[in-house]
Amino acid sequence: MLEYAALLLFAVLALAVALAMLFANRLFGPRRPNPVKLEPFECGVPPIALPAGRLPVHFYVAAMLFVVFDVELVFLFPWAVLVEELGWFGLVEMGAFLAIVVAGFVYAWRQGALEWK
């Protein structure tokens, strides 16, 4: 149990620092709101009209799929660096990993998540 004492101490200190920053901002931060400060402001020009509406969910789905597949494929680089040292076991494992990634990609494609309408 003594081995985890440093980890517990680090977690407690991190939590204490985060809470101290939150409360320090609340205590010492300026609180003088006025109508000018509360107006939306973008690019130095006040907005003329409200936004036209929300983006379709499809854009968010495409972005999430890109991030998911991009992060999964980042695992190819370490494998490519160590391919000779891993041997046949590494090749079989990477084949299984790529099969799962391709199956997920095909599933998303068949569900129409990659179609632009």
Protein backbone atom coordinates (compact mmCIF):
# COMPACT_ATOMS: atom_id res chain seq x y z
CA MET A 1 0.00 0.00 0.00
CA LEU A 2 2.95 2.30 0.58
CA GLU A 3 3.77 2.22 -3.14
CA TYR A 4 0.54 4.04 -3.92
CA ALA A 5 1.09 6.80 -1.37
CA ALA A 6 2.97 9.00 -3.85
CA LEU A 7 0.24 8.54 -6.44
CA LEU A 8 -2.45 9.39 -3.90
CA LEU A 9 -0.47 12.44 -2.74
CA PHE A 10 -0.10 13.59 -6.36
CA ALA A 11 -3.85 13.22 -6.97
CA VAL A 12 -4.70 15.14 -3.80
CA LEU A 13 -2.29 17.94 -4.70
CA ALA A 14 -3.64 18.16 -8.25
CA LEU A 15 -7.19 18.40 -6.92
CA ALA A 16 -6.13 21.02 -4.36
CA VAL A 17 -4.42 23.17 -7.01
CA ALA A 18 -7.44 22.94 -9.33
CA LEU A 19 -9.86 23.89 -6.55
CA ALA A 20 -7.58 26.70 -5.38
CA MET A 21 -7.53 28.18 -8.89
CA LEU A 22 -11.31 27.98 -9.18
CA PHE A 23 -11.91 29.64 -5.82
CA ALA A 24 -9.17 32.25 -6.37
CA ASN A 25 -10.83 33.31 -9.59
CA ARG A 26 -14.16 33.56 -7.83
CA LEU A 27 -12.68 35.57 -4.95
CA PHE A 28 -10.26 37.88 -6.76
CA GLY A 29 -11.70 38.07 -10.29
CA PRO A 30 -13.41 41.21 -11.52
CA ARG A 31 -17.20 41.20 -11.32
CA ARG A 32 -18.44 44.29 -13.07
CA PRO A 33 -20.86 43.15 -15.78
CA ASN A 34 -22.49 45.77 -17.94
CA PRO A 35 -24.58 45.59 -21.12
CA VAL A 36 -21.61 46.34 -23.40
CA LYS A 37 -19.53 43.50 -21.96
CA LEU A 38 -22.43 41.05 -22.20
CA GLU A 39 -22.99 41.62 -25.95
CA PRO A 40 -21.74 39.03 -28.43
CA PHE A 41 -18.61 40.17 -30.20
CA GLU A 42 -16.87 38.61 -33.17
CA CYS A 43 -14.07 39.86 -35.44
CA GLY A 44 -14.40 43.42 -34.16
CA VAL A 45 -17.91 43.82 -35.54
CA PRO A 46 -21.14 43.46 -33.56
CA PRO A 47 -23.44 40.79 -35.02
CA ILE A 48 -26.21 42.06 -37.28
CA ALA A 49 -28.57 39.10 -37.00
CA LEU A 50 -28.95 35.86 -35.08
CA PRO A 51 -27.29 32.74 -36.50
CA ALA A 52 -29.22 31.04 -39.31
CA GLY A 53 -29.64 27.81 -37.40
CA ARG A 54 -27.86 24.70 -36.30
CA LEU A 55 -25.69 22.52 -38.44
CA PRO A 56 -27.14 19.12 -39.33
CA VAL A 57 -26.07 16.25 -37.13
CA HIS A 58 -24.39 14.64 -40.14
CA PHE A 59 -21.45 17.04 -39.89
CA TYR A 60 -20.81 16.02 -36.28
CA VAL A 61 -21.10 12.31 -37.12
CA ALA A 62 -18.58 12.67 -39.95
CA ALA A 63 -16.20 14.55 -37.66
CA MET A 64 -16.47 11.92 -34.93
CA LEU A 65 -15.90 9.11 -37.42
CA PHE A 66 -12.83 10.89 -38.74
CA VAL A 67 -11.40 11.27 -35.25
CA VAL A 68 -12.17 7.66 -34.28
CA PHE A 69 -10.61 6.15 -37.40
CA ASP A 70 -7.69 8.58 -37.31
CA VAL A 71 -6.86 7.73 -33.69
CA GLU A 72 -7.16 4.01 -34.38
CA LEU A 73 -4.85 4.23 -37.36
CA VAL A 74 -2.22 6.05 -35.30
CA PHE A 75 -1.45 2.62 -33.87
CA LEU A 76 -0.04 1.61 -37.26
CA PHE A 77 3.07 3.77 -36.84
CA PRO A 78 4.55 2.00 -33.77
CA TRP A 79 3.79 -1.35 -35.40
CA ALA A 80 5.58 -0.27 -38.59
CA VAL A 81 8.63 0.76 -36.56
CA LEU A 82 8.77 -2.56 -34.70
CA VAL A 83 7.54 -4.89 -37.46
CA GLU A 84 10.81 -6.85 -37.67
CA GLU A 85 11.05 -7.33 -33.92
CA LEU A 86 7.43 -8.46 -33.53
CA GLY A 87 7.65 -11.13 -36.19
CA TRP A 88 4.69 -13.24 -37.24
CA PHE A 89 2.84 -12.65 -33.97
CA GLY A 90 2.85 -8.89 -34.59
CA LEU A 91 1.72 -9.41 -38.17
CA VAL A 92 -1.24 -11.56 -37.09
CA GLU A 93 -2.21 -9.12 -34.32
CA MET A 94 -2.06 -6.14 -36.68
CA GLY A 95 -4.10 -8.08 -39.23
CA ALA A 96 -6.78 -8.68 -36.59
CA PHE A 97 -6.68 -5.01 -35.58
CA LEU A 98 -6.99 -3.85 -39.19
CA ALA A 99 -9.84 -6.31 -39.77
CA ILE A 100 -11.76 -4.72 -36.87
CA VAL A 101 -11.03 -1.19 -38.16
CA VAL A 102 -12.10 -2.09 -41.70
CA ALA A 103 -15.26 -3.79 -40.39
CA GLY A 104 -16.16 -0.61 -38.49
CA PHE A 105 -15.47 1.50 -41.57
CA VAL A 106 -17.62 -0.75 -43.78
CA TYR A 107 -20.41 -0.67 -41.18
CA ALA A 108 -20.33 3.15 -41.06
CA TRP A 109 -20.30 3.28 -44.86
CA ARG A 110 -23.31 0.94 -45.17
CA GLN A 111 -25.23 2.91 -42.55
CA GLY A 112 -24.79 6.01 -44.73
CA ALA A 113 -22.68 7.93 -42.22
CA LEU A 114 -20.18 8.86 -44.93
CA GLU A 115 -22.71 10.01 -47.54
CA TRP A 116 -23.06 13.74 -48.23
CA LYS A 117 -26.67 14.61 -48.96
